[in-house]
C-alpha atoms as a PDB file:
ATOM      1  CA  PHE A   1      82.716  35.038 -63.528  1.00  0.00           C
ATOM      2  CA  ASP A   2      84.579  33.985 -60.095  1.00  0.00           C
ATOM      3  CA  GLY A   3      82.054  34.560 -58.197  1.00  0.00           C
ATOM      4  CA  ALA A   4      82.741  38.905 -58.212  1.00  0.00           C
ATOM      5  CA  ALA A   5      84.049  39.602 -61.334  1.00  0.00           C
ATOM      6  CA  LEU A   6      83.731  38.316 -65.455  1.00  0.00           C
ATOM      7  CA  VAL A   7      87.324  36.684 -65.301  1.00  0.00           C
ATOM      8  CA  PRO A   8      88.966  36.183 -69.231  1.00  0.00           C
ATOM      9  CA  ILE A   9      90.347  32.732 -69.664  1.00  0.00           C
ATOM     10  CA  GLY A  10      93.674  32.419 -71.779  1.00  0.00           C
ATOM     11  CA  PRO A  11      94.079  35.072 -74.516  1.00  0.00           C
ATOM     12  CA  VAL A  12      92.158  35.009 -77.701  1.00  0.00           C
ATOM     13  CA  VAL A  13      90.163  32.406 -78.893  1.00  0.00           C
ATOM     14  CA  ASP A  14      91.248  32.709 -82.375  1.00  0.00           C
ATOM     15  CA  GLU A  15      94.037  32.579 -84.664  1.00  0.00           C
ATOM     16  CA  ARG A  16      93.254  34.837 -87.752  1.00  0.00           C
ATOM     17  CA  THR A  17      93.060  38.708 -87.839  1.00  0.00           C
ATOM     18  CA  PRO A  18      90.368  39.810 -85.686  1.00  0.00           C
ATOM     19  CA  GLY A  19      86.860  40.745 -87.353  1.00  0.00           C
ATOM     20  CA  GLY A  20      86.899  37.518 -88.852  1.00  0.00           C
ATOM     21  CA  ASN A  21      84.913  35.144 -86.975  1.00  0.00           C
ATOM     22  CA  ASP A  22      81.393  35.413 -85.255  1.00  0.00           C
ATOM     23  CA  PHE A  23      78.871  33.163 -83.716  1.00  0.00           C
ATOM     24  CA  GLY A  24      80.678  31.554 -80.519  1.00  0.00           C
ATOM     25  CA  SER A  25      79.729  28.400 -78.745  1.00  0.00           C
ATOM     26  CA  ILE A  26      81.314  27.414 -75.523  1.00  0.00           C
ATOM     27  CA  ALA A  27      81.021  24.730 -73.632  1.00  0.00           C
ATOM     28  CA  ALA A  28      82.259  23.111 -69.568  1.00  0.00           C
ATOM     29  CA  ASP A  29      82.389  20.643 -68.446  1.00  0.00           C
ATOM     30  CA  VAL A  30      81.980  19.133 -64.264  1.00  0.00           C
ATOM     31  CA  ASN A  31      85.714  19.579 -63.654  1.00  0.00           C
ATOM     32  CA  GLY A  32      85.915  24.069 -65.707  1.00  0.00           C
ATOM     33  CA  GLN A  33      87.428  22.301 -68.726  1.00  0.00           C
ATOM     34  CA  VAL A  34      86.417  24.721 -70.841  1.00  0.00           C
ATOM     35  CA  VAL A  35      85.463  24.048 -75.062  1.00  0.00           C
ATOM     36  CA  VAL A  36      84.895  26.861 -77.607  1.00  0.00           C
ATOM     37  CA  ALA A  37      83.393  26.607 -81.059  1.00  0.00           C
ATOM     38  CA  HIS A  38      83.304  29.755 -83.566  1.00  0.00           C
ATOM     39  CA  VAL A  39      83.487  30.570 -87.215  1.00  0.00           C
ATOM     40  CA  GLN A  40      86.087  31.560 -88.818  1.00  0.00           C
ATOM     41  CA  SER A  41      87.966  32.993 -92.284  1.00  0.00           C
ATOM     42  CA  ASN A  42      89.672  30.170 -93.841  1.00  0.00           C
ATOM     43  CA  VAL A  43      94.374  31.332 -93.424  1.00  0.00           C
ATOM     44  CA  ALA A  44      93.156  32.232 -97.633  1.00  0.00           C
ATOM     45  CA  GLY A  45      90.874  34.443 -96.670  1.00  0.00           C
ATOM     46  CA  THR A  46      88.259  32.498 -99.570  1.00  0.00           C
ATOM     47  CA  GLY A  47      85.819  31.106 -96.889  1.00  0.00           C
ATOM     48  CA  SER A  48      84.767  30.096 -94.020  1.00  0.00           C
ATOM     49  CA  GLU A  49      85.493  27.497 -91.208  1.00  0.00           C
ATOM     50  CA  VAL A  50      84.480  26.093 -87.690  1.00  0.00           C
ATOM     51  CA  ALA A  51      87.201  26.153 -85.371  1.00  0.00           C
ATOM     52  CA  VAL A  52      86.517  23.844 -82.141  1.00  0.00           C
ATOM     53  CA  ARG A  53      89.424  24.684 -79.094  1.00  0.00           C
ATOM     54  CA  ARG A  54      89.900  22.731 -75.942  1.00  0.00           C
ATOM     55  CA  PHE A  55      91.746  25.533 -73.126  1.00  0.00           C
ATOM     56  CA  ASP A  56      94.860  24.419 -71.841  1.00  0.00           C
ATOM     57  CA  ALA A  57      95.897  26.028 -68.527  1.00  0.00           C
ATOM     58  CA  ASN A  58      99.041  24.310 -68.183  1.00  0.00           C
ATOM     59  CA  ALA A  59     100.518  25.859 -70.932  1.00  0.00           C
ATOM     60  CA  ASN A  60      97.863  29.052 -70.809  1.00  0.00           C
ATOM     61  CA  ALA A  61      96.475  28.639 -74.794  1.00  0.00           C
ATOM     62  CA  TRP A  62      93.267  27.594 -76.668  1.00  0.00           C
ATOM     63  CA  VAL A  63      94.146  24.296 -78.304  1.00  0.00           C
ATOM     64  CA  THR A  64      92.372  23.344 -81.618  1.00  0.00           C
ATOM     65  CA  LEU A  65      90.877  19.509 -81.671  1.00  0.00           C
ATOM     66  CA  VAL A  66      92.408  18.492 -84.718  1.00  0.00           C
ATOM     67  CA  ALA A  67      91.648  20.769 -87.828  1.00  0.00           C
ATOM     68  CA  PRO A  68      88.963  23.156 -88.493  1.00  0.00           C
ATOM     69  CA  PHE A  69      85.835  21.761 -90.468  1.00  0.00           C
ATOM     70  CA  ALA A  70      86.072  24.065 -93.902  1.00  0.00           C
ATOM     71  CA  ILE A  71      82.681  25.495 -95.017  1.00  0.00           C
ATOM     72  CA  GLY A  72      83.501  27.548 -98.437  1.00  0.00           C
ATOM     73  CA  THR A  73      81.780  30.701 -99.280  1.00  0.00           C
ATOM     74  CA  VAL A  74      78.375  30.429 -97.520  1.00  0.00           C
ATOM     75  CA  ASN A  75      77.422  33.840 -95.280  1.00  0.00           C
ATOM     76  CA  GLN A  76      79.063  33.196 -91.999  1.00  0.00           C
ATOM     77  CA  ASN A  77      75.435  34.320 -90.208  1.00  0.00           C
ATOM     78  CA  ASN A  78      73.676  31.307 -90.840  1.00  0.00           C
ATOM     79  CA  ILE A  79      76.557  28.269 -90.447  1.00  0.00           C
ATOM     80  CA  GLN A  80      76.022  29.032 -86.122  1.00  0.00           C
ATOM     81  CA  PRO A  81      77.607  26.107 -84.637  1.00  0.00           C
ATOM     82  CA  LYS A  82      76.324  24.660 -80.999  1.00  0.00           C
ATOM     83  CA  LEU A  83      78.965  23.030 -78.666  1.00  0.00           C
ATOM     84  CA  ARG A  84      78.199  20.598 -76.088  1.00  0.00           C
ATOM     85  CA  LEU A  85      79.935  18.277 -74.023  1.00  0.00           C
ATOM     86  CA  ASN A  86      78.138  14.669 -73.316  1.00  0.00           C
ATOM     87  CA  ALA A  87      78.833  12.975 -69.806  1.00  0.00           C
ATOM     88  CA  ALA A  88      81.642  11.859 -71.118  1.00  0.00           C
ATOM     89  CA  GLY A  89      83.185  15.240 -71.659  1.00  0.00           C
ATOM     90  CA  GLN A  90      83.662  14.795 -75.670  1.00  0.00           C
ATOM     91  CA  PRO A  91      82.505  17.461 -77.607  1.00  0.00           C
ATOM     92  CA  VAL A  92      79.574  17.525 -79.677  1.00  0.00           C
ATOM     93  CA  LEU A  93      78.909  19.857 -82.565  1.00  0.00           C
ATOM     94  CA  VAL A  94      76.724  21.040 -85.161  1.00  0.00           C
ATOM     95  CA  PHE A  95      76.788  23.534 -87.216  1.00  0.00           C
ATOM     96  CA  SER A  96      74.768  24.675 -91.070  1.00  0.00           C
ATOM     97  CA  ASN A  97      76.852  25.193 -93.973  1.00  0.00           C
ATOM     98  CA  GLN A  98      73.084  26.292 -95.513  1.00  0.00           C
ATOM     99  CA  ALA A  99      72.699  23.363 -97.424  1.00  0.00           C
ATOM    100  CA  ALA A 100      72.778  20.701 -94.936  1.00  0.00           C
ATOM    101  CA  LEU A 101      73.368  20.334 -90.769  1.00  0.00           C
ATOM    102  CA  ARG A 102      76.340  18.229 -89.829  1.00  0.00           C
ATOM    103  CA  GLY A 103      77.129  16.213 -86.181  1.00  0.00           C
ATOM    104  CA  PHE A 104      79.807  15.080 -85.189  1.00  0.00           C
ATOM    105  CA  ARG A 105      81.532  13.871 -81.463  1.00  0.00           C
ATOM    106  CA  PHE A 106      84.855  14.527 -80.997  1.00  0.00           C
ATOM    107  CA  ASP A 107      86.039  10.688 -79.457  1.00  0.00           C
ATOM    108  CA  GLY A 108      89.491  12.095 -77.646  1.00  0.00           C
ATOM    109  CA  THR A 109      91.522  12.197 -81.321  1.00  0.00           C
ATOM    110  CA  ALA A 110      88.950  12.391 -83.493  1.00  0.00           C
ATOM    111  CA  TRP A 111      85.640  13.519 -85.063  1.00  0.00           C
ATOM    112  CA  VAL A 112      83.202  11.252 -85.768  1.00  0.00           C
ATOM    113  CA  ASP A 113      81.164  11.927 -88.133  1.00  0.00           C
ATOM    114  CA  LEU A 114      77.284  11.747 -86.892  1.00  0.00           C
ATOM    115  CA  GLY A 115      75.817  12.535 -90.359  1.00  0.00           C
ATOM    116  CA  SER A 116      73.901  15.313 -91.848  1.00  0.00           C
ATOM    117  CA  ILE A 117      70.565  16.124 -93.034  1.00  0.00           C
ATOM    118  CA  ALA A 118      68.989  18.311 -95.759  1.00  0.00           C
ATOM    119  CA  SER A 119      68.611  21.475 -94.121  1.00  0.00           C
ATOM    120  CA  ALA A 120      68.130  25.103 -95.477  1.00  0.00           C
ATOM    121  CA  PHE A 121      67.476  26.841 -91.882  1.00  0.00           C
ATOM    122  CA  VAL A 122      69.151  30.184 -90.690  1.00  0.00           C
ATOM    123  CA  GLN A 123      68.798  29.904 -87.105  1.00  0.00           C
ATOM    124  CA  ILE A 124      69.705  26.715 -85.068  1.00  0.00           C
ATOM    125  CA  ASP A 125      70.239  25.174 -81.414  1.00  0.00           C
ATOM    126  CA  MET A 126      71.423  22.012 -79.668  1.00  0.00           C
ATOM    127  CA  THR A 127      70.892  19.753 -76.145  1.00  0.00           C
ATOM    128  CA  LEU A 128      71.755  16.776 -75.813  1.00  0.00           C
ATOM    129  CA  ASP A 129      69.447  13.725 -74.617  1.00  0.00           C
ATOM    130  CA  ALA A 130      69.553  11.193 -72.158  1.00  0.00           C
ATOM    131  CA  ASN A 131      72.355   8.590 -73.911  1.00  0.00           C
ATOM    132  CA  GLY A 132      74.238  12.194 -75.270  1.00  0.00           C
ATOM    133  CA  ASN A 133      72.690  12.555 -79.287  1.00  0.00           C
ATOM    134  CA  PRO A 134      72.128  16.231 -80.714  1.00  0.00           C
ATOM    135  CA  VAL A 135      69.071  16.828 -80.585  1.00  0.00           C
ATOM    136  CA  VAL A 136      68.674  20.418 -82.460  1.00  0.00           C
ATOM    137  CA  ALA A 137      65.646  22.625 -83.064  1.00  0.00           C
ATOM    138  CA  GLN A 138      66.105  24.750 -86.141  1.00  0.00           C
ATOM    139  CA  SER A 139      63.983  27.550 -88.045  1.00  0.00           C
ATOM    140  CA  ASN A 140      63.832  29.442 -91.381  1.00  0.00           C
ATOM    141  CA  THR A 141      61.098  31.907 -89.763  1.00  0.00           C
ATOM    142  CA  THR A 142      58.320  30.530 -90.812  1.00  0.00           C
ATOM    143  CA  THR A 143      59.016  26.492 -89.604  1.00  0.00           C
ATOM    144  CA  LEU A 144      60.148  24.990 -86.341  1.00  0.00           C
ATOM    145  CA  SER A 145      61.652  21.376 -86.991  1.00  0.00           C
ATOM    146  CA  VAL A 146      63.263  19.605 -84.184  1.00  0.00           C
ATOM    147  CA  VAL A 147      65.621  16.752 -85.006  1.00  0.00           C
ATOM    148  CA  ARG A 148      67.396  13.804 -83.237  1.00  0.00           C
ATOM    149  CA  ASN A 149      70.537  12.334 -84.199  1.00  0.00           C
ATOM    150  CA  ASN A 150      70.344   8.722 -83.673  1.00  0.00           C
ATOM    151  CA  ALA A 151      73.701   6.174 -84.988  1.00  0.00           C
ATOM    152  CA  GLY A 152      74.243   9.042 -87.245  1.00  0.00           C
ATOM    153  CA  ASN A 153      70.860   8.992 -88.929  1.00  0.00           C
ATOM    154  CA  TRP A 154      68.606  12.157 -88.493  1.00  0.00           C
ATOM    155  CA  VAL A 155      65.000  11.894 -87.213  1.00  0.00           C
ATOM    156  CA  SER A 156      62.340  15.044 -87.505  1.00  0.00           C
ATOM    157  CA  LEU A 157      61.190  14.692 -83.542  1.00  0.00           C
ATOM    158  CA  GLY A 158      57.978  17.374 -84.893  1.00  0.00           C
ATOM    159  CA  THR A 159      57.484  20.861 -87.084  1.00  0.00           C
ATOM    160  CA  LEU A 160      55.518  24.029 -86.045  1.00  0.00           C
ATOM    161  CA  ASP A 161      54.526  25.814 -88.697  1.00  0.00           C
ATOM    162  CA  SER A 162      53.976  29.323 -88.228  1.00  0.00           C
ATOM    163  CA  VAL A 163      51.312  29.964 -90.816  1.00  0.00           C
ATOM    164  CA  GLY A 164      48.399  29.267 -88.763  1.00  0.00           C
ATOM    165  CA  PHE A 165      49.463  32.309 -86.440  1.00  0.00           C
ATOM    166  CA  PRO A 166      49.858  34.305 -88.559  1.00  0.00           C
ATOM    167  CA  GLN A 167      53.733  35.259 -87.269  1.00  0.00           C
ATOM    168  CA  SER A 168      56.770  34.922 -87.584  1.00  0.00           C
ATOM    169  CA  ILE A 169      59.512  32.437 -85.736  1.00  0.00           C
ATOM    170  CA  SER A 170      61.990  35.048 -84.626  1.00  0.00           C
ATOM    171  CA  ILE A 171      63.749  33.133 -81.155  1.00  0.00           C
ATOM    172  CA  PHE A 172      63.844  29.902 -79.786  1.00  0.00           C
ATOM    173  CA  SER A 173      65.667  27.944 -77.635  1.00  0.00           C
ATOM    174  CA  ILE A 174      65.953  24.302 -76.563  1.00  0.00           C
ATOM    175  CA  ALA A 175      66.790  22.465 -73.440  1.00  0.00           C
ATOM    176  CA  SER A 176      66.735  18.863 -72.240  1.00  0.00           C
ATOM    177  CA  ASP A 177      65.426  17.938 -68.685  1.00  0.00           C
ATOM    178  CA  ALA A 178      67.097  15.091 -66.335  1.00  0.00           C
ATOM    179  CA  ALA A 179      65.779  12.432 -68.397  1.00  0.00           C
ATOM    180  CA  GLY A 180      66.902  13.673 -71.184  1.00  0.00           C
ATOM    181  CA  GLN A 181      63.340  15.609 -73.126  1.00  0.00           C
ATOM    182  CA  PRO A 182      63.368  18.141 -75.342  1.00  0.00           C
ATOM    183  CA  TRP A 183      61.780  21.010 -74.411  1.00  0.00           C
ATOM    184  CA  VAL A 184      61.504  24.177 -76.842  1.00  0.00           C
ATOM    185  CA  ALA A 185      60.535  27.571 -76.310  1.00  0.00           C
ATOM    186  CA  TRP A 186      60.167  30.081 -79.399  1.00  0.00           C
ATOM    187  CA  ASN A 187      58.572  33.728 -79.641  1.00  0.00           C
ATOM    188  CA  ARG A 188      56.753  34.868 -82.367  1.00  0.00           C
ATOM    189  CA  PHE A 189      56.519  38.232 -83.924  1.00  0.00           C
ATOM    190  CA  GLY A 190      54.630  40.525 -87.035  1.00  0.00           C
ATOM    191  CA  GLY A 191      51.978  39.819 -88.626  1.00  0.00           C
ATOM    192  CA  THR A 192      47.786  40.238 -87.668  1.00  0.00           C
ATOM    193  CA  PRO A 193      46.583  37.958 -85.140  1.00  0.00           C
END
């Protein structure tokens, strides 16, 4: 948005046949450097991968940060990459492969593995704490769980089970305040009160 209208940034982000990518996430630093993460089909078209690209304004091109993360043949709907930039401008990425929540931080030359935690959740969202660690809210529609990564370990911050409502958790969002404290908002639907 340039103050008056939406303006495209460079060419199309994907490098595969249109229709093979989905579920994008975008982040920008204070200087306007834009980074995106999205799901696309792998080269062979036999599985999915998460690609992270930074926009190079001089070349008017999207540059892949190292190689995409291979996912396999899981349902693209459940991968949902989430991307944020820490205070140093380093991309922090989380995504699900339907078996585990994975986390990574780009250090300028390579992706640093932040570890994984067993997870079969179908929806995720992410924020960063005051130290730049990912804090992830995840839901399988009946349970909302929040976990924080600390030095490569995922630690539970709490879980909400919707059985007590009795309704399902349909949509949620997570954000951090200036002190890095995570806040979660969610919507519930269905069921009889």
